[in-house]
Amino acid sequence: EDPPKPCMYFAKGFCKNGSSCRFIHDSALLQSDSPPKDQFLSMERLEFQLQELLRSRKGVPISVSSLPQIYFEKYGRWLEADGYVSESQRHAKPSYTLTKLLSKFQSVTVVERPHRQHALMLAEDVPKYSAHKVDLDECNDPSPCSRQIYLTFPCDSNFSEEDVATHFRAYGPVEDVRIPTQHKRMFGFVTFTYAETVRMILAE
């Protein structure tokens, strides 16, 4: 049987499973795997890597809460804000300190998402994401609705399904558009080929 592995969430500062987690919560062990303070990248180098990471994902925004894991998978090291923030900030929540760190960069920017969530995206892509606003269905990624958004229109609007499909193809491939009509209300669903397209729109 393989020996238990260190908990990645504990390493980032918080594990919701607590003592029932099946991975190791050992600060000493995690400390030994962490880079010394003098090995933290320069701010310029870190900013370049974040640009590179976003471009490798075709500019799709990355949730700040999942950024450390995605960064680790690409670069083989943890994205730790501790090496870049002041002592007072160091005692804040990990996501808070990371968000503060990310807000210092010029070429990447942090945007606020629904429910006080934040996402990182390329600064050059901000106009593209803010060009259109839609009401979005709240979905969990594992479910089929992770590729779908929910729209509402004024009851006197005359959008056709093809009009909506044409509009949203600017974001990515559209699989299906459904616009059932009801008295005094009009709504519809747009299903995309890729969940990444929905995540991109959710960053608005």
C-alpha atoms as a PDB file:
ATOM      1  CA  GLU A   1       0.000   0.000   0.000  1.00  0.00           C
ATOM      2  CA  ASP A   2       1.308   3.460  -0.909  1.00  0.00           C
ATOM      3  CA  PRO A   3       2.259   5.730   2.016  1.00  0.00           C
ATOM      4  CA  PRO A   4      -0.168   8.604   2.663  1.00  0.00           C
ATOM      5  CA  LYS A   5       0.605  11.813   0.799  1.00  0.00           C
ATOM      6  CA  PRO A   6       0.627  15.390   2.130  1.00  0.00           C
ATOM      7  CA  CYS A   7      -2.676  17.255   1.804  1.00  0.00           C
ATOM      8  CA  MET A   8      -2.448  19.941  -0.893  1.00  0.00           C
ATOM      9  CA  TYR A   9      -5.289  21.962   0.645  1.00  0.00           C
ATOM     10  CA  PHE A  10      -3.623  21.951   4.075  1.00  0.00           C
ATOM     11  CA  ALA A  11      -0.427  23.093   2.363  1.00  0.00           C
ATOM     12  CA  LYS A  12      -2.322  26.069   0.937  1.00  0.00           C
ATOM     13  CA  GLY A  13      -3.607  26.967   4.397  1.00  0.00           C
ATOM     14  CA  PHE A  14      -7.000  25.279   4.865  1.00  0.00           C
ATOM     15  CA  CYS A  15      -8.533  21.817   4.440  1.00  0.00           C
ATOM     16  CA  LYS A  16     -12.295  21.555   4.922  1.00  0.00           C
ATOM     17  CA  ASN A  17     -11.996  17.864   5.839  1.00  0.00           C
ATOM     18  CA  GLY A  18      -9.973  18.626   8.969  1.00  0.00           C
ATOM     19  CA  SER A  19      -8.856  15.599  10.975  1.00  0.00           C
ATOM     20  CA  SER A  20     -10.986  13.282   8.798  1.00  0.00           C
ATOM     21  CA  CYS A  21      -8.851  14.030   5.714  1.00  0.00           C
ATOM     22  CA  ARG A  22      -7.170  10.941   4.255  1.00  0.00           C
ATOM     23  CA  PHE A  23      -4.018  12.924   3.454  1.00  0.00           C
ATOM     24  CA  ILE A  24      -1.313  14.049   5.887  1.00  0.00           C
ATOM     25  CA  HIS A  25      -1.686  17.328   7.808  1.00  0.00           C
ATOM     26  CA  ASP A  26       1.913  17.701   8.956  1.00  0.00           C
ATOM     27  CA  SER A  27       3.313  21.225   9.036  1.00  0.00           C
ATOM     28  CA  ALA A  28       6.897  20.011   9.484  1.00  0.00           C
ATOM     29  CA  LEU A  29       6.638  17.739   6.456  1.00  0.00           C
ATOM     30  CA  LEU A  30       5.083  20.474   4.356  1.00  0.00           C
ATOM     31  CA  GLN A  31       7.744  22.933   5.503  1.00  0.00           C
ATOM     32  CA  SER A  32      10.463  20.648   4.214  1.00  0.00           C
ATOM     33  CA  ASP A  33       8.851  20.572   0.781  1.00  0.00           C
ATOM     34  CA  SER A  34       8.396  24.353   0.596  1.00  0.00           C
ATOM     35  CA  PRO A  35      10.991  26.487  -1.150  1.00  0.00           C
ATOM     36  CA  PRO A  36      13.159  28.711   1.065  1.00  0.00           C
ATOM     37  CA  LYS A  37      12.089  32.349   1.156  1.00  0.00           C
ATOM     38  CA  ASP A  38      15.041  33.390  -1.024  1.00  0.00           C
ATOM     39  CA  GLN A  39      13.819  31.080  -3.762  1.00  0.00           C
ATOM     40  CA  PHE A  40      10.612  32.993  -4.422  1.00  0.00           C
ATOM     41  CA  LEU A  41      10.406  34.273  -7.981  1.00  0.00           C
ATOM     42  CA  SER A  42      10.741  37.948  -8.703  1.00  0.00           C
ATOM     43  CA  MET A  43       7.432  39.741  -9.213  1.00  0.00           C
ATOM     44  CA  GLU A  44       8.299  40.239 -12.890  1.00  0.00           C
ATOM     45  CA  ARG A  45       8.981  36.530 -13.399  1.00  0.00           C
ATOM     46  CA  LEU A  46       5.799  35.522 -11.588  1.00  0.00           C
ATOM     47  CA  GLU A  47       3.730  37.927 -13.674  1.00  0.00           C
ATOM     48  CA  PHE A  48       5.253  36.478 -16.843  1.00  0.00           C
ATOM     49  CA  GLN A  49       4.393  32.928 -15.736  1.00  0.00           C
ATOM     50  CA  LEU A  50       0.798  33.918 -14.961  1.00  0.00           C
ATOM     51  CA  GLN A  51       0.474  35.432 -18.450  1.00  0.00           C
ATOM     52  CA  GLU A  52       1.945  32.251 -19.908  1.00  0.00           C
ATOM     53  CA  LEU A  53      -0.455  30.102 -17.881  1.00  0.00           C
ATOM     54  CA  LEU A  54      -3.513  32.064 -19.015  1.00  0.00           C
ATOM     55  CA  ARG A  55      -2.403  32.031 -22.655  1.00  0.00           C
ATOM     56  CA  SER A  56      -1.864  28.252 -22.497  1.00  0.00           C
ATOM     57  CA  ARG A  57      -5.567  28.014 -21.535  1.00  0.00           C
ATOM     58  CA  LYS A  58      -6.538  30.265 -24.478  1.00  0.00           C
ATOM     59  CA  GLY A  59      -7.238  33.139 -22.114  1.00  0.00           C
ATOM     60  CA  VAL A  60      -9.993  31.326 -20.186  1.00  0.00           C
ATOM     61  CA  PRO A  61     -10.101  32.956 -16.710  1.00  0.00           C
ATOM     62  CA  ILE A  62      -8.848  30.910 -13.758  1.00  0.00           C
ATOM     63  CA  SER A  63     -10.611  30.924 -10.392  1.00  0.00           C
ATOM     64  CA  VAL A  64      -8.273  32.371  -7.756  1.00  0.00           C
ATOM     65  CA  SER A  65      -9.183  29.503  -5.414  1.00  0.00           C
ATOM     66  CA  SER A  66      -7.994  26.898  -7.957  1.00  0.00           C
ATOM     67  CA  LEU A  67      -5.021  28.914  -9.243  1.00  0.00           C
ATOM     68  CA  PRO A  68      -2.410  27.426  -6.825  1.00  0.00           C
ATOM     69  CA  GLN A  69      -3.226  23.876  -7.966  1.00  0.00           C
ATOM     70  CA  ILE A  70      -3.228  24.792 -11.684  1.00  0.00           C
ATOM     71  CA  TYR A  71       0.022  26.712 -11.244  1.00  0.00           C
ATOM     72  CA  PHE A  72       1.588  23.729  -9.447  1.00  0.00           C
ATOM     73  CA  GLU A  73       0.540  21.341 -12.235  1.00  0.00           C
ATOM     74  CA  LYS A  74       2.270  23.558 -14.837  1.00  0.00           C
ATOM     75  CA  TYR A  75       5.372  24.741 -12.969  1.00  0.00           C
ATOM     76  CA  GLY A  76       5.894  22.087 -10.260  1.00  0.00           C
ATOM     77  CA  ARG A  77       5.905  24.578  -7.397  1.00  0.00           C
ATOM     78  CA  TRP A  78       3.276  26.125  -5.134  1.00  0.00           C
ATOM     79  CA  LEU A  79       2.080  29.639  -5.770  1.00  0.00           C
ATOM     80  CA  GLU A  80       2.516  31.050  -2.265  1.00  0.00           C
ATOM     81  CA  ALA A  81       1.623  34.646  -1.506  1.00  0.00           C
ATOM     82  CA  ASP A  82       3.581  34.636   1.775  1.00  0.00           C
ATOM     83  CA  GLY A  83       6.855  35.521   0.096  1.00  0.00           C
ATOM     84  CA  TYR A  84       5.396  38.672  -1.457  1.00  0.00           C
ATOM     85  CA  VAL A  85       3.066  40.177   1.177  1.00  0.00           C
ATOM     86  CA  SER A  86       3.613  42.121   4.373  1.00  0.00           C
ATOM     87  CA  GLU A  87       3.653  40.472   7.805  1.00  0.00           C
ATOM     88  CA  SER A  88       0.159  41.775   8.664  1.00  0.00           C
ATOM     89  CA  GLN A  89      -1.310  40.437   5.425  1.00  0.00           C
ATOM     90  CA  ARG A  90       0.340  37.070   6.009  1.00  0.00           C
ATOM     91  CA  HIS A  91      -2.172  36.214   8.745  1.00  0.00           C
ATOM     92  CA  ALA A  92      -5.184  36.738   6.489  1.00  0.00           C
ATOM     93  CA  LYS A  93      -6.962  33.952   4.631  1.00  0.00           C
ATOM     94  CA  PRO A  94      -4.765  32.379   1.883  1.00  0.00           C
ATOM     95  CA  SER A  95      -7.193  33.380  -0.868  1.00  0.00           C
ATOM     96  CA  TYR A  96      -7.197  36.960   0.435  1.00  0.00           C
ATOM     97  CA  THR A  97      -3.428  37.305   0.402  1.00  0.00           C
ATOM     98  CA  LEU A  98      -3.232  35.682  -3.041  1.00  0.00           C
ATOM     99  CA  THR A  99      -5.878  38.055  -4.405  1.00  0.00           C
ATOM    100  CA  LYS A 100      -3.940  41.015  -2.986  1.00  0.00           C
ATOM    101  CA  LEU A 101      -0.754  39.737  -4.616  1.00  0.00           C
ATOM    102  CA  LEU A 102      -2.436  39.255  -7.999  1.00  0.00           C
ATOM    103  CA  SER A 103      -3.913  42.768  -7.887  1.00  0.00           C
ATOM    104  CA  LYS A 104      -0.385  44.232  -8.012  1.00  0.00           C
ATOM    105  CA  PHE A 105       0.178  43.087 -11.607  1.00  0.00           C
ATOM    106  CA  GLN A 106      -0.537  45.120 -14.735  1.00  0.00           C
ATOM    107  CA  SER A 107      -0.797  42.481 -17.479  1.00  0.00           C
ATOM    108  CA  VAL A 108      -3.154  40.185 -15.549  1.00  0.00           C
ATOM    109  CA  THR A 109      -6.149  41.294 -13.530  1.00  0.00           C
ATOM    110  CA  VAL A 110      -8.530  39.921 -10.912  1.00  0.00           C
ATOM    111  CA  VAL A 111     -12.239  40.176 -11.730  1.00  0.00           C
ATOM    112  CA  GLU A 112     -15.076  39.648  -9.300  1.00  0.00           C
ATOM    113  CA  ARG A 113     -17.500  36.851 -10.042  1.00  0.00           C
ATOM    114  CA  PRO A 114     -20.903  36.057  -8.496  1.00  0.00           C
ATOM    115  CA  HIS A 115     -20.957  35.106  -4.785  1.00  0.00           C
ATOM    116  CA  ARG A 116     -17.758  37.078  -4.055  1.00  0.00           C
ATOM    117  CA  GLN A 117     -15.599  34.688  -6.012  1.00  0.00           C
ATOM    118  CA  HIS A 118     -12.631  36.023  -7.968  1.00  0.00           C
ATOM    119  CA  ALA A 119     -10.950  34.959 -11.189  1.00  0.00           C
ATOM    120  CA  LEU A 120      -7.656  35.839 -12.849  1.00  0.00           C
ATOM    121  CA  MET A 121      -7.591  36.848 -16.497  1.00  0.00           C
ATOM    122  CA  LEU A 122      -5.379  38.657 -18.985  1.00  0.00           C
ATOM    123  CA  ALA A 123      -5.840  42.429 -18.723  1.00  0.00           C
ATOM    124  CA  GLU A 124      -6.028  42.631 -22.524  1.00  0.00           C
ATOM    125  CA  ASP A 125      -9.090  40.335 -22.481  1.00  0.00           C
ATOM    126  CA  VAL A 126     -11.158  42.425 -20.038  1.00  0.00           C
ATOM    127  CA  PRO A 127     -12.999  44.420 -22.767  1.00  0.00           C
ATOM    128  CA  LYS A 128     -13.999  41.184 -24.492  1.00  0.00           C
ATOM    129  CA  TYR A 129     -15.593  39.833 -21.316  1.00  0.00           C
ATOM    130  CA  SER A 130     -17.366  43.023 -20.342  1.00  0.00           C
ATOM    131  CA  ALA A 131     -18.875  43.683 -23.784  1.00  0.00           C
ATOM    132  CA  HIS A 132     -22.057  41.674 -23.110  1.00  0.00           C
ATOM    133  CA  LYS A 133     -24.028  40.916 -19.952  1.00  0.00           C
ATOM    134  CA  VAL A 134     -26.412  37.974 -19.565  1.00  0.00           C
ATOM    135  CA  ASP A 135     -28.240  36.326 -16.690  1.00  0.00           C
ATOM    136  CA  LEU A 136     -26.381  33.108 -16.021  1.00  0.00           C
ATOM    137  CA  ASP A 137     -27.696  29.898 -14.593  1.00  0.00           C
ATOM    138  CA  GLU A 138     -25.797  28.784 -11.500  1.00  0.00           C
ATOM    139  CA  CYS A 139     -24.276  25.415 -12.291  1.00  0.00           C
ATOM    140  CA  ASN A 140     -21.812  22.993 -10.794  1.00  0.00           C
ATOM    141  CA  ASP A 141     -19.061  21.903 -13.175  1.00  0.00           C
ATOM    142  CA  PRO A 142     -19.692  18.122 -12.924  1.00  0.00           C
ATOM    143  CA  SER A 143     -23.316  18.446 -14.077  1.00  0.00           C
ATOM    144  CA  PRO A 144     -24.489  18.748 -17.693  1.00  0.00           C
ATOM    145  CA  CYS A 145     -25.532  22.354 -17.074  1.00  0.00           C
ATOM    146  CA  SER A 146     -21.860  23.308 -16.762  1.00  0.00           C
ATOM    147  CA  ARG A 147     -21.994  23.829 -20.541  1.00  0.00           C
ATOM    148  CA  GLN A 148     -25.226  25.831 -20.439  1.00  0.00           C
ATOM    149  CA  ILE A 149     -26.275  29.387 -19.648  1.00  0.00           C
ATOM    150  CA  TYR A 150     -29.760  30.718 -18.916  1.00  0.00           C
ATOM    151  CA  LEU A 151     -30.998  33.931 -20.577  1.00  0.00           C
ATOM    152  CA  THR A 152     -34.007  36.165 -20.036  1.00  0.00           C
ATOM    153  CA  PHE A 153     -35.406  38.653 -22.565  1.00  0.00           C
ATOM    154  CA  PRO A 154     -38.159  41.300 -22.497  1.00  0.00           C
ATOM    155  CA  CYS A 155     -41.470  39.715 -23.488  1.00  0.00           C
ATOM    156  CA  ASP A 156     -41.663  41.897 -26.620  1.00  0.00           C
ATOM    157  CA  SER A 157     -38.185  40.926 -27.885  1.00  0.00           C
ATOM    158  CA  ASN A 158     -37.985  39.254 -31.290  1.00  0.00           C
ATOM    159  CA  PHE A 159     -34.688  37.357 -31.009  1.00  0.00           C
ATOM    160  CA  SER A 160     -34.642  34.108 -32.915  1.00  0.00           C
ATOM    161  CA  GLU A 161     -32.678  31.043 -31.849  1.00  0.00           C
ATOM    162  CA  GLU A 162     -30.322  31.671 -34.757  1.00  0.00           C
ATOM    163  CA  ASP A 163     -29.751  35.282 -33.611  1.00  0.00           C
ATOM    164  CA  VAL A 164     -28.751  34.062 -30.163  1.00  0.00           C
ATOM    165  CA  ALA A 165     -26.549  31.307 -31.561  1.00  0.00           C
ATOM    166  CA  THR A 166     -24.765  33.783 -33.850  1.00  0.00           C
ATOM    167  CA  HIS A 167     -24.125  36.150 -30.936  1.00  0.00           C
ATOM    168  CA  PHE A 168     -22.668  33.496 -28.629  1.00  0.00           C
ATOM    169  CA  ARG A 169     -20.504  31.832 -31.291  1.00  0.00           C
ATOM    170  CA  ALA A 170     -18.140  34.746 -30.659  1.00  0.00           C
ATOM    171  CA  TYR A 171     -17.329  33.039 -27.344  1.00  0.00           C
ATOM    172  CA  GLY A 172     -17.073  29.468 -28.578  1.00  0.00           C
ATOM    173  CA  PRO A 173     -18.868  26.629 -30.432  1.00  0.00           C
ATOM    174  CA  VAL A 174     -22.613  26.537 -29.727  1.00  0.00           C
ATOM    175  CA  GLU A 175     -24.275  23.129 -29.545  1.00  0.00           C
ATOM    176  CA  ASP A 176     -27.908  24.085 -28.994  1.00  0.00           C
ATOM    177  CA  VAL A 177     -30.232  27.065 -28.390  1.00  0.00           C
ATOM    178  CA  ARG A 178     -33.719  26.733 -26.923  1.00  0.00           C
ATOM    179  CA  ILE A 179     -36.078  29.701 -26.493  1.00  0.00           C
ATOM    180  CA  PRO A 180     -39.501  28.579 -25.225  1.00  0.00           C
ATOM    181  CA  THR A 181     -41.944  31.489 -24.946  1.00  0.00           C
ATOM    182  CA  GLN A 182     -44.395  32.272 -22.170  1.00  0.00           C
ATOM    183  CA  HIS A 183     -46.891  35.067 -21.591  1.00  0.00           C
ATOM    184  CA  LYS A 184     -45.119  38.213 -20.257  1.00  0.00           C
ATOM    185  CA  ARG A 185     -41.757  36.489 -20.128  1.00  0.00           C
ATOM    186  CA  MET A 186     -39.245  35.110 -22.556  1.00  0.00           C
ATOM    187  CA  PHE A 187     -36.260  32.993 -21.631  1.00  0.00           C
ATOM    188  CA  GLY A 188     -33.830  30.605 -23.233  1.00  0.00           C
ATOM    189  CA  PHE A 189     -30.913  28.250 -22.797  1.00  0.00           C
ATOM    190  CA  VAL A 190     -27.677  28.190 -24.746  1.00  0.00           C
ATOM    191  CA  THR A 191     -25.631  24.986 -24.602  1.00  0.00           C
ATOM    192  CA  PHE A 192     -21.980  25.182 -25.618  1.00  0.00           C
ATOM    193  CA  THR A 193     -19.680  22.423 -26.814  1.00  0.00           C
ATOM    194  CA  TYR A 194     -17.115  23.156 -24.104  1.00  0.00           C
ATOM    195  CA  ALA A 195     -17.566  23.969 -20.411  1.00  0.00           C
ATOM    196  CA  GLU A 196     -14.596  26.350 -20.722  1.00  0.00           C
ATOM    197  CA  THR A 197     -16.762  28.653 -22.842  1.00  0.00           C
ATOM    198  CA  VAL A 198     -19.277  28.978 -20.004  1.00  0.00           C
ATOM    199  CA  ARG A 199     -16.495  29.610 -17.493  1.00  0.00           C
ATOM    200  CA  MET A 200     -15.229  32.374 -19.759  1.00  0.00           C
ATOM    201  CA  ILE A 201     -18.676  34.029 -19.848  1.00  0.00           C
ATOM    202  CA  LEU A 202     -19.093  33.582 -16.086  1.00  0.00           C
ATOM    203  CA  ALA A 203     -16.057  35.798 -15.587  1.00  0.00           C
ATOM    204  CA  GLU A 204     -18.052  38.822 -16.730  1.00  0.00           C
END
